[in-house]
Amino acid sequence: MRLALVKGHATSTVKHHSLEGWRLLVAQPVDSSDRPDGPPQIVLDSFGAALHQKVLISSDGAEARKMVGSEFSPARWMILGIIDPERSLAL
């Protein structure tokens, strides 16, 4: 699991049938100071995350494939939740 910032939407004219109907976003993994930490990832979004929102993402491909209902899906990254800055605890 990693923190990431939503940077945009991904669109595709041709994609694997298991991804039909799924919202795809571009998420930039970040460190604790919101600095980029690795390359951006295409993630499945079932939460309705908005542009520039901080999210929690996972690269658990097995769970992503369960989510889309296909063991042969190329899905890997998915959003696990949206981070609410109003409720974040200051350490």
N, C-alpha and C. Protein backbone atom coordinates (compact mmCIF):
# COMPACT_ATOMS: atom_id res chain seq x y z
N MET A 1 0.85 -1.18 0.00
CA MET A 1 0.00 0.00 0.00
C MET A 1 0.89 1.24 0.00
N ARG A 2 0.43 2.23 -0.74
CA ARG A 2 1.18 3.48 -0.87
C ARG A 2 0.23 4.65 -0.93
N LEU A 3 0.73 5.80 -0.50
CA LEU A 3 -0.01 7.04 -0.69
C LEU A 3 0.24 7.53 -2.10
N ALA A 4 -0.76 8.16 -2.69
CA ALA A 4 -0.61 8.70 -4.05
C ALA A 4 -1.53 9.89 -4.22
N LEU A 5 -1.20 10.73 -5.20
CA LEU A 5 -2.05 11.86 -5.57
C LEU A 5 -2.64 11.58 -6.95
N VAL A 6 -3.93 11.81 -7.10
CA VAL A 6 -4.59 11.62 -8.39
C VAL A 6 -4.17 12.76 -9.30
N LYS A 7 -3.59 12.41 -10.44
CA LYS A 7 -3.09 13.40 -11.39
C LYS A 7 -3.96 13.56 -12.63
N GLY A 8 -4.82 12.58 -12.91
CA GLY A 8 -5.66 12.69 -14.09
C GLY A 8 -6.42 11.42 -14.37
N HIS A 9 -7.13 11.44 -15.50
CA HIS A 9 -7.92 10.30 -15.95
C HIS A 9 -7.19 9.61 -17.09
N ALA A 10 -7.34 8.30 -17.17
CA ALA A 10 -6.79 7.55 -18.29
C ALA A 10 -7.95 7.11 -19.17
N THR A 11 -7.79 7.30 -20.46
CA THR A 11 -8.82 6.84 -21.40
C THR A 11 -8.18 5.87 -22.38
N SER A 12 -9.01 4.97 -22.89
CA SER A 12 -8.51 3.97 -23.81
C SER A 12 -9.59 3.62 -24.82
N THR A 13 -9.22 3.56 -26.08
CA THR A 13 -10.18 3.17 -27.10
C THR A 13 -10.27 1.65 -27.20
N VAL A 14 -9.19 0.96 -26.82
CA VAL A 14 -9.18 -0.49 -26.79
C VAL A 14 -8.58 -0.92 -25.46
N LYS A 15 -9.29 -1.79 -24.74
CA LYS A 15 -8.76 -2.29 -23.48
C LYS A 15 -9.26 -3.69 -23.22
N HIS A 16 -8.64 -4.36 -22.30
CA HIS A 16 -9.04 -5.71 -21.93
C HIS A 16 -10.50 -5.71 -21.51
N HIS A 17 -11.24 -6.73 -21.90
CA HIS A 17 -12.69 -6.78 -21.62
C HIS A 17 -13.00 -6.69 -20.13
N SER A 18 -12.09 -7.14 -19.27
CA SER A 18 -12.35 -7.09 -17.82
C SER A 18 -12.33 -5.66 -17.28
N LEU A 19 -11.78 -4.73 -18.04
CA LEU A 19 -11.69 -3.33 -17.58
C LEU A 19 -12.83 -2.47 -18.11
N GLU A 20 -13.71 -3.05 -18.93
CA GLU A 20 -14.86 -2.30 -19.44
C GLU A 20 -15.72 -1.82 -18.28
N GLY A 21 -16.05 -0.55 -18.30
CA GLY A 21 -16.91 0.02 -17.27
C GLY A 21 -16.18 0.49 -16.03
N TRP A 22 -14.90 0.21 -15.92
CA TRP A 22 -14.11 0.65 -14.76
C TRP A 22 -13.48 2.01 -15.04
N ARG A 23 -13.47 2.85 -14.04
CA ARG A 23 -12.83 4.17 -14.12
C ARG A 23 -11.34 3.99 -13.89
N LEU A 24 -10.54 4.50 -14.81
CA LEU A 24 -9.08 4.40 -14.70
C LEU A 24 -8.51 5.79 -14.45
N LEU A 25 -7.65 5.89 -13.45
CA LEU A 25 -7.02 7.17 -13.10
C LEU A 25 -5.51 7.03 -13.15
N VAL A 26 -4.83 8.17 -13.28
CA VAL A 26 -3.38 8.22 -13.16
C VAL A 26 -3.08 8.71 -11.75
N ALA A 27 -2.35 7.89 -10.99
CA ALA A 27 -2.02 8.23 -9.61
C ALA A 27 -0.50 8.28 -9.45
N GLN A 28 -0.01 9.35 -8.85
CA GLN A 28 1.43 9.53 -8.62
C GLN A 28 1.73 9.13 -7.17
N PRO A 29 2.46 8.01 -6.96
CA PRO A 29 2.86 7.67 -5.59
C PRO A 29 3.70 8.80 -4.98
N VAL A 30 3.48 9.06 -3.70
CA VAL A 30 4.19 10.14 -3.01
C VAL A 30 4.73 9.64 -1.67
N ASP A 31 5.74 10.37 -1.16
CA ASP A 31 6.26 10.05 0.16
C ASP A 31 5.46 10.83 1.21
N SER A 32 5.90 10.82 2.44
CA SER A 32 5.15 11.47 3.52
C SER A 32 5.10 12.99 3.39
N SER A 33 5.96 13.55 2.55
CA SER A 33 5.97 15.00 2.31
C SER A 33 5.31 15.36 0.97
N ASP A 34 4.59 14.42 0.39
CA ASP A 34 3.89 14.58 -0.89
C ASP A 34 4.82 14.82 -2.07
N ARG A 35 6.08 14.38 -1.96
CA ARG A 35 7.02 14.43 -3.09
C ARG A 35 6.87 13.15 -3.89
N PRO A 36 6.97 13.22 -5.22
CA PRO A 36 6.85 12.01 -6.05
C PRO A 36 7.81 10.92 -5.59
N ASP A 37 7.31 9.70 -5.57
CA ASP A 37 8.09 8.55 -5.12
C ASP A 37 7.85 7.39 -6.09
N GLY A 38 8.51 7.44 -7.23
CA GLY A 38 8.33 6.41 -8.25
C GLY A 38 7.48 6.91 -9.40
N PRO A 39 7.33 6.06 -10.41
CA PRO A 39 6.56 6.46 -11.59
C PRO A 39 5.05 6.48 -11.33
N PRO A 40 4.31 7.28 -12.09
CA PRO A 40 2.84 7.28 -11.97
C PRO A 40 2.29 5.91 -12.36
N GLN A 41 1.14 5.57 -11.81
CA GLN A 41 0.50 4.28 -12.07
C GLN A 41 -0.92 4.49 -12.57
N ILE A 42 -1.39 3.58 -13.41
CA ILE A 42 -2.80 3.56 -13.81
C ILE A 42 -3.51 2.71 -12.76
N VAL A 43 -4.53 3.27 -12.13
CA VAL A 43 -5.22 2.58 -11.04
C VAL A 43 -6.72 2.46 -11.33
N LEU A 44 -7.32 1.38 -10.84
CA LEU A 44 -8.77 1.21 -10.91
C LEU A 44 -9.39 2.01 -9.78
N ASP A 45 -10.45 2.74 -10.07
CA ASP A 45 -11.10 3.57 -9.06
C ASP A 45 -12.56 3.18 -8.90
N SER A 46 -12.90 2.67 -7.73
CA SER A 46 -14.29 2.36 -7.43
C SER A 46 -14.86 3.32 -6.39
N PHE A 47 -14.07 4.34 -6.01
CA PHE A 47 -14.47 5.27 -4.96
C PHE A 47 -14.89 6.65 -5.47
N GLY A 48 -14.57 6.96 -6.72
CA GLY A 48 -14.90 8.27 -7.26
C GLY A 48 -13.92 9.35 -6.83
N ALA A 49 -12.64 9.00 -6.76
CA ALA A 49 -11.61 9.96 -6.37
C ALA A 49 -11.55 11.11 -7.37
N ALA A 50 -11.27 12.30 -6.85
CA ALA A 50 -11.20 13.50 -7.68
C ALA A 50 -9.76 13.89 -7.96
N LEU A 51 -9.58 14.72 -8.96
CA LEU A 51 -8.27 15.25 -9.32
C LEU A 51 -7.62 15.90 -8.10
N HIS A 52 -6.36 15.61 -7.86
CA HIS A 52 -5.53 16.15 -6.78
C HIS A 52 -5.86 15.58 -5.40
N GLN A 53 -6.76 14.62 -5.30
CA GLN A 53 -7.03 14.02 -4.00
C GLN A 53 -5.93 13.03 -3.65
N LYS A 54 -5.67 12.91 -2.34
CA LYS A 54 -4.71 11.92 -1.87
C LYS A 54 -5.47 10.62 -1.64
N VAL A 55 -4.90 9.53 -2.14
CA VAL A 55 -5.55 8.22 -2.05
C VAL A 55 -4.54 7.18 -1.55
N LEU A 56 -5.07 6.06 -1.11
CA LEU A 56 -4.27 4.92 -0.74
C LEU A 56 -4.40 3.90 -1.86
N ILE A 57 -3.27 3.48 -2.44
CA ILE A 57 -3.31 2.53 -3.56
C ILE A 57 -2.59 1.24 -3.18
N SER A 58 -2.94 0.18 -3.88
CA SER A 58 -2.32 -1.12 -3.65
C SER A 58 -1.95 -1.73 -4.99
N SER A 59 -0.86 -2.46 -4.99
CA SER A 59 -0.42 -3.17 -6.21
C SER A 59 -0.73 -4.66 -6.11
N ASP A 60 -1.68 -5.03 -5.27
CA ASP A 60 -2.06 -6.43 -5.11
C ASP A 60 -2.88 -6.87 -6.32
N GLY A 61 -2.20 -7.41 -7.32
CA GLY A 61 -2.86 -7.79 -8.56
C GLY A 61 -3.94 -8.85 -8.37
N ALA A 62 -3.75 -9.78 -7.42
CA ALA A 62 -4.75 -10.81 -7.19
C ALA A 62 -6.07 -10.19 -6.74
N GLU A 63 -6.00 -9.22 -5.85
CA GLU A 63 -7.23 -8.56 -5.38
C GLU A 63 -7.84 -7.70 -6.48
N ALA A 64 -7.01 -7.05 -7.27
CA ALA A 64 -7.52 -6.24 -8.39
C ALA A 64 -8.24 -7.13 -9.39
N ARG A 65 -7.69 -8.30 -9.67
CA ARG A 65 -8.34 -9.23 -10.60
C ARG A 65 -9.66 -9.76 -10.02
N LYS A 66 -9.71 -9.97 -8.70
CA LYS A 66 -10.98 -10.36 -8.06
C LYS A 66 -12.00 -9.24 -8.21
N MET A 67 -11.54 -8.00 -8.03
CA MET A 67 -12.44 -6.86 -8.10
C MET A 67 -13.10 -6.75 -9.48
N VAL A 68 -12.33 -6.99 -10.54
CA VAL A 68 -12.90 -6.89 -11.89
C VAL A 68 -13.54 -8.19 -12.35
N GLY A 69 -13.38 -9.26 -11.57
CA GLY A 69 -14.05 -10.52 -11.88
C GLY A 69 -13.42 -11.35 -12.96
N SER A 70 -12.09 -11.23 -13.14
CA SER A 70 -11.40 -12.02 -14.16
C SER A 70 -10.00 -12.37 -13.70
N GLU A 71 -9.72 -13.67 -13.61
CA GLU A 71 -8.38 -14.08 -13.18
C GLU A 71 -7.32 -13.82 -14.26
N PHE A 72 -7.77 -13.51 -15.47
CA PHE A 72 -6.83 -13.25 -16.58
C PHE A 72 -6.70 -11.75 -16.88
N SER A 73 -7.27 -10.90 -16.04
CA SER A 73 -7.21 -9.46 -16.25
C SER A 73 -5.79 -8.93 -16.04
N PRO A 74 -5.40 -7.90 -16.79
CA PRO A 74 -4.11 -7.26 -16.57
C PRO A 74 -4.13 -6.27 -15.40
N ALA A 75 -5.27 -6.15 -14.72
CA ALA A 75 -5.40 -5.20 -13.61
C ALA A 75 -4.39 -5.51 -12.51
N ARG A 76 -3.77 -4.45 -11.99
CA ARG A 76 -2.83 -4.63 -10.89
C ARG A 76 -3.04 -3.59 -9.80
N TRP A 77 -3.03 -2.31 -10.14
CA TRP A 77 -3.15 -1.25 -9.14
C TRP A 77 -4.62 -0.86 -8.95
N MET A 78 -4.98 -0.57 -7.69
CA MET A 78 -6.34 -0.14 -7.39
C MET A 78 -6.31 0.82 -6.21
N ILE A 79 -7.34 1.65 -6.15
CA ILE A 79 -7.49 2.57 -5.02
C ILE A 79 -8.20 1.83 -3.89
N LEU A 80 -7.62 1.90 -2.70
CA LEU A 80 -8.22 1.27 -1.53
C LEU A 80 -9.04 2.25 -0.72
N GLY A 81 -8.77 3.54 -0.86
CA GLY A 81 -9.52 4.54 -0.12
C GLY A 81 -9.03 5.94 -0.43
N ILE A 82 -9.86 6.90 -0.07
CA ILE A 82 -9.53 8.32 -0.24
C ILE A 82 -9.13 8.87 1.12
N ILE A 83 -8.01 9.57 1.17
CA ILE A 83 -7.53 10.16 2.42
C ILE A 83 -8.25 11.48 2.66
N ASP A 84 -8.90 11.60 3.79
CA ASP A 84 -9.63 12.82 4.14
C ASP A 84 -8.70 13.71 4.97
N PRO A 85 -8.24 14.85 4.39
CA PRO A 85 -7.29 15.71 5.12
C PRO A 85 -7.91 16.30 6.39
N GLU A 86 -9.21 16.41 6.44
CA GLU A 86 -9.88 16.96 7.63
C GLU A 86 -9.78 16.00 8.81
N ARG A 87 -9.63 14.73 8.54
CA ARG A 87 -9.61 13.72 9.59
C ARG A 87 -8.22 13.13 9.83
N SER A 88 -7.22 13.59 9.09
CA SER A 88 -5.87 13.06 9.27
C SER A 88 -5.32 13.48 10.63
N LEU A 89 -4.61 12.57 11.25
CA LEU A 89 -4.01 12.85 12.54
C LEU A 89 -2.64 13.48 12.36
N ALA A 90 -2.35 14.51 13.09
CA ALA A 90 -1.02 15.12 13.06
C ALA A 90 -0.16 14.39 14.06
N LEU A 91 1.01 13.95 13.61
CA LEU A 91 1.93 13.23 14.51
C LEU A 91 2.96 14.16 15.08
